Amino acid sequence: DQAHCMFCAVAKFFRPGYNHNLIQNWLPALSGVV
């Protein structure tokens, strides 16, 4: 019921951080996950 464009805006806001950290830094920081 919130702003109609919010879902796209939230995805666009977080996407750069995921692009540059998830595979490169975050998953490797977990024990044995990679």
PDB file of all heavy atoms in Angstrom:
ATOM      1  N   ASP A   1       0.813  -1.215   0.000  1.00  0.00           N
ATOM      2  CA  ASP A   1       0.000   0.000   0.000  1.00  0.00           C
ATOM      3  C   ASP A   1       0.847   1.265   0.000  1.00  0.00           C
ATOM      4  O   ASP A   1       0.299   2.376   0.033  1.00  0.00           O
ATOM      5  CB  ASP A   1      -0.921   0.021   1.230  1.00  0.00           C
ATOM      6  CG  ASP A   1      -1.965  -1.070   1.178  1.00  0.00           C
ATOM      7  OD1 ASP A   1      -2.298  -1.516   0.066  1.00  0.00           O
ATOM      8  OD2 ASP A   1      -2.436  -1.472   2.257  1.00  0.00           O
ATOM      9  N   GLN A   2       2.164   1.105  -0.023  1.00  0.00           N
ATOM     10  CA  GLN A   2       3.031   2.275   0.012  1.00  0.00           C
ATOM     11  C   GLN A   2       3.222   2.837  -1.401  1.00  0.00           C
ATOM     12  O   GLN A   2       2.582   2.399  -2.349  1.00  0.00           O
ATOM     13  CB  GLN A   2       4.352   1.916   0.678  1.00  0.00           C
ATOM     14  CG  GLN A   2       4.153   1.457   2.128  1.00  0.00           C
ATOM     15  CD  GLN A   2       5.418   1.465   2.946  1.00  0.00           C
ATOM     16  OE1 GLN A   2       6.392   2.120   2.632  1.00  0.00           O
ATOM     17  NE2 GLN A   2       5.408   0.722   4.054  1.00  0.00           N
ATOM     18  N   ALA A   3       4.079   3.819  -1.524  1.00  0.00           N
ATOM     19  CA  ALA A   3       4.272   4.525  -2.790  1.00  0.00           C
ATOM     20  C   ALA A   3       4.471   3.543  -3.945  1.00  0.00           C
ATOM     21  O   ALA A   3       5.230   2.584  -3.828  1.00  0.00           O
ATOM     22  CB  ALA A   3       5.467   5.467  -2.684  1.00  0.00           C
ATOM     23  N   HIS A   4       3.799   3.809  -5.060  1.00  0.00           N
ATOM     24  CA  HIS A   4       3.793   2.847  -6.158  1.00  0.00           C
ATOM     25  C   HIS A   4       5.180   2.636  -6.759  1.00  0.00           C
ATOM     26  O   HIS A   4       5.468   1.570  -7.304  1.00  0.00           O
ATOM     27  CB  HIS A   4       2.817   3.308  -7.243  1.00  0.00           C
ATOM     28  CG  HIS A   4       3.283   4.485  -8.031  1.00  0.00           C
ATOM     29  ND1 HIS A   4       3.204   5.779  -7.562  1.00  0.00           N
ATOM     30  CD2 HIS A   4       3.850   4.553  -9.262  1.00  0.00           C
ATOM     31  CE1 HIS A   4       3.696   6.599  -8.478  1.00  0.00           C
ATOM     32  NE2 HIS A   4       4.092   5.898  -9.505  1.00  0.00           N
ATOM     33  N   CYS A   5       6.056   3.639  -6.661  1.00  0.00           N
ATOM     34  CA  CYS A   5       7.383   3.527  -7.270  1.00  0.00           C
ATOM     35  C   CYS A   5       8.441   3.079  -6.268  1.00  0.00           C
ATOM     36  O   CYS A   5       9.621   2.972  -6.615  1.00  0.00           O
ATOM     37  CB  CYS A   5       7.800   4.867  -7.881  1.00  0.00           C
ATOM     38  SG  CYS A   5       7.901   6.212  -6.685  1.00  0.00           S
ATOM     39  N   MET A   6       8.037   2.802  -5.026  1.00  0.00           N
ATOM     40  CA  MET A   6       9.014   2.540  -3.972  1.00  0.00           C
ATOM     41  C   MET A   6       9.802   1.263  -4.218  1.00  0.00           C
ATOM     42  O   MET A   6      11.007   1.205  -3.970  1.00  0.00           O
ATOM     43  CB  MET A   6       8.313   2.448  -2.624  1.00  0.00           C
ATOM     44  CG  MET A   6       9.280   2.272  -1.458  1.00  0.00           C
ATOM     45  SD  MET A   6       8.417   2.104   0.097  1.00  0.00           S
ATOM     46  CE  MET A   6       7.641   0.511  -0.122  1.00  0.00           C
ATOM     47  N   PHE A   7       9.147   0.227  -4.731  1.00  0.00           N
ATOM     48  CA  PHE A   7       9.811  -1.062  -4.890  1.00  0.00           C
ATOM     49  C   PHE A   7      10.984  -0.946  -5.860  1.00  0.00           C
ATOM     50  O   PHE A   7      12.058  -1.496  -5.610  1.00  0.00           O
ATOM     51  CB  PHE A   7       8.796  -2.100  -5.371  1.00  0.00           C
ATOM     52  CG  PHE A   7       7.472  -1.995  -4.661  1.00  0.00           C
ATOM     53  CD1 PHE A   7       6.339  -1.547  -5.310  1.00  0.00           C
ATOM     54  CD2 PHE A   7       7.379  -2.301  -3.312  1.00  0.00           C
ATOM     55  CE1 PHE A   7       5.128  -1.416  -4.650  1.00  0.00           C
ATOM     56  CE2 PHE A   7       6.181  -2.178  -2.638  1.00  0.00           C
ATOM     57  CZ  PHE A   7       5.051  -1.731  -3.300  1.00  0.00           C
ATOM     58  N   CYS A   8      10.783  -0.215  -6.957  1.00  0.00           N
ATOM     59  CA  CYS A   8      11.881  -0.001  -7.911  1.00  0.00           C
ATOM     60  C   CYS A   8      12.968   0.874  -7.299  1.00  0.00           C
ATOM     61  O   CYS A   8      14.156   0.627  -7.507  1.00  0.00           O
ATOM     62  CB  CYS A   8      11.354   0.641  -9.188  1.00  0.00           C
ATOM     63  SG  CYS A   8      10.236  -0.412 -10.136  1.00  0.00           S
ATOM     64  N   ALA A   9      12.564   1.902  -6.550  1.00  0.00           N
ATOM     65  CA  ALA A   9      13.532   2.821  -5.956  1.00  0.00           C
ATOM     66  C   ALA A   9      14.403   2.110  -4.925  1.00  0.00           C
ATOM     67  O   ALA A   9      15.621   2.322  -4.876  1.00  0.00           O
ATOM     68  CB  ALA A   9      12.808   4.002  -5.309  1.00  0.00           C
ATOM     69  N   VAL A  10      13.790   1.258  -4.096  1.00  0.00           N
ATOM     70  CA  VAL A  10      14.548   0.512  -3.093  1.00  0.00           C
ATOM     71  C   VAL A  10      15.554  -0.414  -3.770  1.00  0.00           C
ATOM     72  O   VAL A  10      16.724  -0.495  -3.375  1.00  0.00           O
ATOM     73  CB  VAL A  10      13.594  -0.283  -2.177  1.00  0.00           C
ATOM     74  CG1 VAL A  10      14.366  -1.283  -1.324  1.00  0.00           C
ATOM     75  CG2 VAL A  10      12.804   0.664  -1.284  1.00  0.00           C
ATOM     76  N   ALA A  11      15.089  -1.114  -4.813  1.00  0.00           N
ATOM     77  CA  ALA A  11      15.993  -2.021  -5.542  1.00  0.00           C
ATOM     78  C   ALA A  11      17.150  -1.251  -6.157  1.00  0.00           C
ATOM     79  O   ALA A  11      18.307  -1.696  -6.101  1.00  0.00           O
ATOM     80  CB  ALA A  11      15.210  -2.760  -6.625  1.00  0.00           C
ATOM     81  N   LYS A  12      16.862  -0.087  -6.730  1.00  0.00           N
ATOM     82  CA  LYS A  12      17.910   0.703  -7.372  1.00  0.00           C
ATOM     83  C   LYS A  12      18.897   1.266  -6.346  1.00  0.00           C
ATOM     84  O   LYS A  12      20.096   1.371  -6.614  1.00  0.00           O
ATOM     85  CB  LYS A  12      17.279   1.851  -8.172  1.00  0.00           C
ATOM     86  CG  LYS A  12      18.272   2.648  -8.991  1.00  0.00           C
ATOM     87  CD  LYS A  12      17.581   3.771  -9.777  1.00  0.00           C
ATOM     88  CE  LYS A  12      16.767   3.250 -10.923  1.00  0.00           C
ATOM     89  NZ  LYS A  12      16.269   4.335 -11.794  1.00  0.00           N
ATOM     90  N   PHE A  13      18.402   1.594  -5.155  1.00  0.00           N
ATOM     91  CA  PHE A  13      19.261   2.158  -4.118  1.00  0.00           C
ATOM     92  C   PHE A  13      20.272   1.139  -3.606  1.00  0.00           C
ATOM     93  O   PHE A  13      21.451   1.441  -3.417  1.00  0.00           O
ATOM     94  CB  PHE A  13      18.405   2.674  -2.959  1.00  0.00           C
ATOM     95  CG  PHE A  13      19.205   3.214  -1.808  1.00  0.00           C
ATOM     96  CD1 PHE A  13      19.866   4.424  -1.910  1.00  0.00           C
ATOM     97  CD2 PHE A  13      19.304   2.511  -0.611  1.00  0.00           C
ATOM     98  CE1 PHE A  13      20.617   4.930  -0.845  1.00  0.00           C
ATOM     99  CE2 PHE A  13      20.045   3.004   0.439  1.00  0.00           C
ATOM    100  CZ  PHE A  13      20.699   4.217   0.324  1.00  0.00           C
ATOM    101  N   PHE A  14      19.815  -0.097  -3.358  1.00  0.00           N
ATOM    102  CA  PHE A  14      20.697  -1.110  -2.769  1.00  0.00           C
ATOM    103  C   PHE A  14      21.552  -1.837  -3.799  1.00  0.00           C
ATOM    104  O   PHE A  14      22.589  -2.422  -3.444  1.00  0.00           O
ATOM    105  CB  PHE A  14      19.876  -2.128  -1.974  1.00  0.00           C
ATOM    106  CG  PHE A  14      19.368  -1.605  -0.663  1.00  0.00           C
ATOM    107  CD1 PHE A  14      18.006  -1.503  -0.419  1.00  0.00           C
ATOM    108  CD2 PHE A  14      20.246  -1.208   0.325  1.00  0.00           C
ATOM    109  CE1 PHE A  14      17.533  -1.027   0.799  1.00  0.00           C
ATOM    110  CE2 PHE A  14      19.794  -0.721   1.540  1.00  0.00           C
ATOM    111  CZ  PHE A  14      18.425  -0.628   1.777  1.00  0.00           C
ATOM    112  N   ARG A  15      21.154  -1.822  -5.067  1.00  0.00           N
ATOM    113  CA  ARG A  15      21.840  -2.616  -6.088  1.00  0.00           C
ATOM    114  C   ARG A  15      23.340  -2.317  -6.190  1.00  0.00           C
ATOM    115  O   ARG A  15      24.153  -3.259  -6.270  1.00  0.00           O
ATOM    116  CB  ARG A  15      21.158  -2.398  -7.438  1.00  0.00           C
ATOM    117  CG  ARG A  15      21.786  -3.173  -8.596  1.00  0.00           C
ATOM    118  CD  ARG A  15      20.946  -3.014  -9.864  1.00  0.00           C
ATOM    119  NE  ARG A  15      21.644  -3.520 -11.028  1.00  0.00           N
ATOM    120  CZ  ARG A  15      22.410  -2.785 -11.809  1.00  0.00           C
ATOM    121  NH1 ARG A  15      22.591  -1.488 -11.543  1.00  0.00           N
ATOM    122  NH2 ARG A  15      23.015  -3.313 -12.851  1.00  0.00           N
ATOM    123  N   PRO A  16      23.801  -1.046  -6.194  1.00  0.00           N
ATOM    124  CA  PRO A  16      25.247  -0.806  -6.299  1.00  0.00           C
ATOM    125  C   PRO A  16      26.054  -1.463  -5.180  1.00  0.00           C
ATOM    126  O   PRO A  16      27.133  -2.005  -5.428  1.00  0.00           O
ATOM    127  CB  PRO A  16      25.357   0.727  -6.244  1.00  0.00           C
ATOM    128  CG  PRO A  16      24.042   1.218  -6.749  1.00  0.00           C
ATOM    129  CD  PRO A  16      23.045   0.225  -6.225  1.00  0.00           C
ATOM    130  N   GLY A  17      25.536  -1.419  -3.961  1.00  0.00           N
ATOM    131  CA  GLY A  17      26.247  -2.039  -2.850  1.00  0.00           C
ATOM    132  C   GLY A  17      26.353  -3.537  -3.015  1.00  0.00           C
ATOM    133  O   GLY A  17      27.391  -4.139  -2.723  1.00  0.00           O
ATOM    134  N   TYR A  18      25.271  -4.164  -3.475  1.00  0.00           N
ATOM    135  CA  TYR A  18      25.307  -5.604  -3.713  1.00  0.00           C
ATOM    136  C   TYR A  18      26.274  -5.933  -4.844  1.00  0.00           C
ATOM    137  O   TYR A  18      27.053  -6.891  -4.760  1.00  0.00           O
ATOM    138  CB  TYR A  18      23.911  -6.127  -4.054  1.00  0.00           C
ATOM    139  CG  TYR A  18      22.859  -5.899  -2.991  1.00  0.00           C
ATOM    140  CD1 TYR A  18      21.506  -5.961  -3.300  1.00  0.00           C
ATOM    141  CD2 TYR A  18      23.215  -5.624  -1.668  1.00  0.00           C
ATOM    142  CE1 TYR A  18      20.539  -5.761  -2.331  1.00  0.00           C
ATOM    143  CE2 TYR A  18      22.252  -5.417  -0.700  1.00  0.00           C
ATOM    144  CZ  TYR A  18      20.906  -5.481  -1.034  1.00  0.00           C
ATOM    145  OH  TYR A  18      19.951  -5.274  -0.074  1.00  0.00           O
ATOM    146  N   ASN A  19      26.232  -5.150  -5.913  1.00  0.00           N
ATOM    147  CA  ASN A  19      27.103  -5.403  -7.068  1.00  0.00           C
ATOM    148  C   ASN A  19      28.575  -5.408  -6.695  1.00  0.00           C
ATOM    149  O   ASN A  19      29.362  -6.190  -7.234  1.00  0.00           O
ATOM    150  CB  ASN A  19      26.874  -4.343  -8.154  1.00  0.00           C
ATOM    151  CG  ASN A  19      25.664  -4.639  -9.007  1.00  0.00           C
ATOM    152  OD1 ASN A  19      25.064  -5.703  -8.906  1.00  0.00           O
ATOM    153  ND2 ASN A  19      25.275  -3.701  -9.848  1.00  0.00           N
ATOM    154  N   HIS A  20      28.964  -4.528  -5.787  1.00  0.00           N
ATOM    155  CA  HIS A  20      30.379  -4.332  -5.505  1.00  0.00           C
ATOM    156  C   HIS A  20      30.846  -5.016  -4.218  1.00  0.00           C
ATOM    157  O   HIS A  20      32.036  -4.915  -3.877  1.00  0.00           O
ATOM    158  CB  HIS A  20      30.693  -2.837  -5.441  1.00  0.00           C
ATOM    159  CG  HIS A  20      30.620  -2.159  -6.772  1.00  0.00           C
ATOM    160  ND1 HIS A  20      31.706  -2.053  -7.608  1.00  0.00           N
ATOM    161  CD2 HIS A  20      29.575  -1.600  -7.432  1.00  0.00           C
ATOM    162  CE1 HIS A  20      31.343  -1.436  -8.728  1.00  0.00           C
ATOM    163  NE2 HIS A  20      30.058  -1.153  -8.642  1.00  0.00           N
ATOM    164  N   ASN A  21      29.939  -5.702  -3.519  1.00  0.00           N
ATOM    165  CA  ASN A  21      30.347  -6.313  -2.251  1.00  0.00           C
ATOM    166  C   ASN A  21      29.926  -7.763  -2.072  1.00  0.00           C
ATOM    167  O   ASN A  21      30.659  -8.533  -1.438  1.00  0.00           O
ATOM    168  CB  ASN A  21      29.775  -5.497  -1.081  1.00  0.00           C
ATOM    169  CG  ASN A  21      30.418  -4.142  -0.942  1.00  0.00           C
ATOM    170  OD1 ASN A  21      31.563  -4.026  -0.535  1.00  0.00           O
ATOM    171  ND2 ASN A  21      29.672  -3.098  -1.285  1.00  0.00           N
ATOM    172  N   LEU A  22      28.782  -8.143  -2.601  1.00  0.00           N
ATOM    173  CA  LEU A  22      28.229  -9.446  -2.280  1.00  0.00           C
ATOM    174  C   LEU A  22      29.165 -10.592  -2.655  1.00  0.00           C
ATOM    175  O   LEU A  22      29.522 -11.419  -1.798  1.00  0.00           O
ATOM    176  CB  LEU A  22      26.867  -9.611  -2.980  1.00  0.00           C
ATOM    177  CG  LEU A  22      26.193 -10.973  -2.863  1.00  0.00           C
ATOM    178  CD1 LEU A  22      26.087 -11.421  -1.415  1.00  0.00           C
ATOM    179  CD2 LEU A  22      24.811 -10.925  -3.516  1.00  0.00           C
ATOM    180  N   ILE A  23      29.564 -10.658  -3.908  1.00  0.00           N
ATOM    181  CA  ILE A  23      30.421 -11.755  -4.365  1.00  0.00           C
ATOM    182  C   ILE A  23      31.867 -11.524  -3.944  1.00  0.00           C
ATOM    183  O   ILE A  23      32.580 -12.451  -3.553  1.00  0.00           O
ATOM    184  CB  ILE A  23      30.335 -11.898  -5.901  1.00  0.00           C
ATOM    185  CG1 ILE A  23      28.867 -12.029  -6.346  1.00  0.00           C
ATOM    186  CG2 ILE A  23      31.154 -13.079  -6.371  1.00  0.00           C
ATOM    187  CD1 ILE A  23      28.131 -13.188  -5.723  1.00  0.00           C
ATOM    188  N   GLN A  24      32.293 -10.261  -3.997  1.00  0.00           N
ATOM    189  CA  GLN A  24      33.698  -9.935  -3.766  1.00  0.00           C
ATOM    190  C   GLN A  24      34.094  -9.998  -2.291  1.00  0.00           C
ATOM    191  O   GLN A  24      35.217 -10.401  -1.958  1.00  0.00           O
ATOM    192  CB  GLN A  24      33.994  -8.522  -4.299  1.00  0.00           C
ATOM    193  CG  GLN A  24      33.667  -8.333  -5.777  1.00  0.00           C
ATOM    194  CD  GLN A  24      32.247  -7.849  -6.007  1.00  0.00           C
ATOM    195  OE1 GLN A  24      31.330  -8.229  -5.288  1.00  0.00           O
ATOM    196  NE2 GLN A  24      32.068  -7.002  -7.012  1.00  0.00           N
ATOM    197  N   ASN A  25      33.190  -9.576  -1.382  1.00  0.00           N
ATOM    198  CA  ASN A  25      33.576  -9.414   0.020  1.00  0.00           C
ATOM    199  C   ASN A  25      32.673 -10.141   1.011  1.00  0.00           C
ATOM    200  O   ASN A  25      33.171 -10.754   1.962  1.00  0.00           O
ATOM    201  CB  ASN A  25      33.598  -7.920   0.378  1.00  0.00           C
ATOM    202  CG  ASN A  25      34.534  -7.124  -0.506  1.00  0.00           C
ATOM    203  OD1 ASN A  25      35.688  -7.491  -0.672  1.00  0.00           O
ATOM    204  ND2 ASN A  25      34.052  -6.028  -1.080  1.00  0.00           N
ATOM    205  N   TRP A  26      31.364 -10.049   0.834  1.00  0.00           N
ATOM    206  CA  TRP A  26      30.457 -10.550   1.869  1.00  0.00           C
ATOM    207  C   TRP A  26      30.454 -12.077   1.955  1.00  0.00           C
ATOM    208  O   TRP A  26      30.632 -12.622   3.040  1.00  0.00           O
ATOM    209  CB  TRP A  26      29.043 -10.022   1.634  1.00  0.00           C
ATOM    210  CG  TRP A  26      28.930  -8.536   1.785  1.00  0.00           C
ATOM    211  CD1 TRP A  26      29.877  -7.693   2.303  1.00  0.00           C
ATOM    212  CD2 TRP A  26      27.819  -7.725   1.432  1.00  0.00           C
ATOM    213  NE1 TRP A  26      29.414  -6.393   2.288  1.00  0.00           N
ATOM    214  CE2 TRP A  26      28.153  -6.383   1.761  1.00  0.00           C
ATOM    215  CE3 TRP A  26      26.574  -7.983   0.868  1.00  0.00           C
ATOM    216  CZ2 TRP A  26      27.277  -5.321   1.534  1.00  0.00           C
ATOM    217  CZ3 TRP A  26      25.692  -6.925   0.652  1.00  0.00           C
ATOM    218  CH2 TRP A  26      26.040  -5.610   0.978  1.00  0.00           C
ATOM    219  N   LEU A  27      30.224 -12.735   0.836  1.00  0.00           N
ATOM    220  CA  LEU A  27      30.213 -14.204   0.876  1.00  0.00           C
ATOM    221  C   LEU A  27      31.572 -14.783   1.298  1.00  0.00           C
ATOM    222  O   LEU A  27      31.612 -15.729   2.104  1.00  0.00           O
ATOM    223  CB  LEU A  27      29.771 -14.767  -0.469  1.00  0.00           C
ATOM    224  CG  LEU A  27      28.283 -14.571  -0.803  1.00  0.00           C
ATOM    225  CD1 LEU A  27      27.993 -14.986  -2.241  1.00  0.00           C
ATOM    226  CD2 LEU A  27      27.387 -15.343   0.170  1.00  0.00           C
ATOM    227  N   PRO A  28      32.696 -14.251   0.802  1.00  0.00           N
ATOM    228  CA  PRO A  28      33.992 -14.776   1.264  1.00  0.00           C
ATOM    229  C   PRO A  28      34.245 -14.574   2.758  1.00  0.00           C
ATOM    230  O   PRO A  28      35.082 -15.273   3.337  1.00  0.00           O
ATOM    231  CB  PRO A  28      35.006 -13.984   0.428  1.00  0.00           C
ATOM    232  CG  PRO A  28      34.265 -13.607  -0.811  1.00  0.00           C
ATOM    233  CD  PRO A  28      32.862 -13.329  -0.343  1.00  0.00           C
ATOM    234  N   ALA A  29      33.553 -13.639   3.385  1.00  0.00           N
ATOM    235  CA  ALA A  29      33.738 -13.405   4.825  1.00  0.00           C
ATOM    236  C   ALA A  29      33.032 -14.460   5.674  1.00  0.00           C
ATOM    237  O   ALA A  29      33.268 -14.534   6.883  1.00  0.00           O
ATOM    238  CB  ALA A  29      33.223 -12.018   5.199  1.00  0.00           C
ATOM    239  N   LEU A  30      32.178 -15.273   5.062  1.00  0.00           N
ATOM    240  CA  LEU A  30      31.468 -16.320   5.782  1.00  0.00           C
ATOM    241  C   LEU A  30      32.302 -17.600   5.799  1.00  0.00           C
ATOM    242  O   LEU A  30      32.996 -17.913   4.834  1.00  0.00           O
ATOM    243  CB  LEU A  30      30.118 -16.595   5.125  1.00  0.00           C
ATOM    244  CG  LEU A  30      29.192 -15.384   4.933  1.00  0.00           C
ATOM    245  CD1 LEU A  30      27.928 -15.805   4.196  1.00  0.00           C
ATOM    246  CD2 LEU A  30      28.842 -14.746   6.277  1.00  0.00           C
ATOM    247  N   SER A  31      32.211 -18.352   6.862  1.00  0.00           N
ATOM    248  CA  SER A  31      33.043 -19.549   7.038  1.00  0.00           C
ATOM    249  C   SER A  31      32.594 -20.684   6.111  1.00  0.00           C
ATOM    250  O   SER A  31      31.502 -21.240   6.288  1.00  0.00           O
ATOM    251  CB  SER A  31      32.976 -20.027   8.489  1.00  0.00           C
ATOM    252  OG  SER A  31      33.412 -19.013   9.370  1.00  0.00           O
ATOM    253  N   GLY A  32      33.431 -21.009   5.126  1.00  0.00           N
ATOM    254  CA  GLY A  32      33.204 -22.167   4.272  1.00  0.00           C
ATOM    255  C   GLY A  32      32.078 -22.073   3.277  1.00  0.00           C
ATOM    256  O   GLY A  32      31.780 -23.048   2.574  1.00  0.00           O
ATOM    257  N   VAL A  33      31.446 -20.918   3.145  1.00  0.00           N
ATOM    258  CA  VAL A  33      30.265 -20.798   2.286  1.00  0.00           C
ATOM    259  C   VAL A  33      30.633 -20.779   0.809  1.00  0.00           C
ATOM    260  O   VAL A  33      29.991 -21.444  -0.017  1.00  0.00           O
ATOM    261  CB  VAL A  33      29.448 -19.548   2.671  1.00  0.00           C
ATOM    262  CG1 VAL A  33      28.406 -19.211   1.600  1.00  0.00           C
ATOM    263  CG2 VAL A  33      28.768 -19.757   4.012  1.00  0.00           C
ATOM    264  N   VAL A  34      31.659 -20.031   0.441  1.00  0.00           N
ATOM    265  CA  VAL A  34      32.048 -19.956  -0.966  1.00  0.00           C
ATOM    266  C   VAL A  34      32.414 -21.337  -1.502  1.00  0.00           C
ATOM    267  O   VAL A  34      32.037 -21.701  -2.634  1.00  0.00           O
ATOM    268  CB  VAL A  34      33.213 -18.960  -1.162  1.00  0.00           C
ATOM    269  CG1 VAL A  34      33.813 -19.095  -2.556  1.00  0.00           C
ATOM    270  CG2 VAL A  34      32.729 -17.531  -0.939  1.00  0.00           C
TER     271      VAL A  34
END
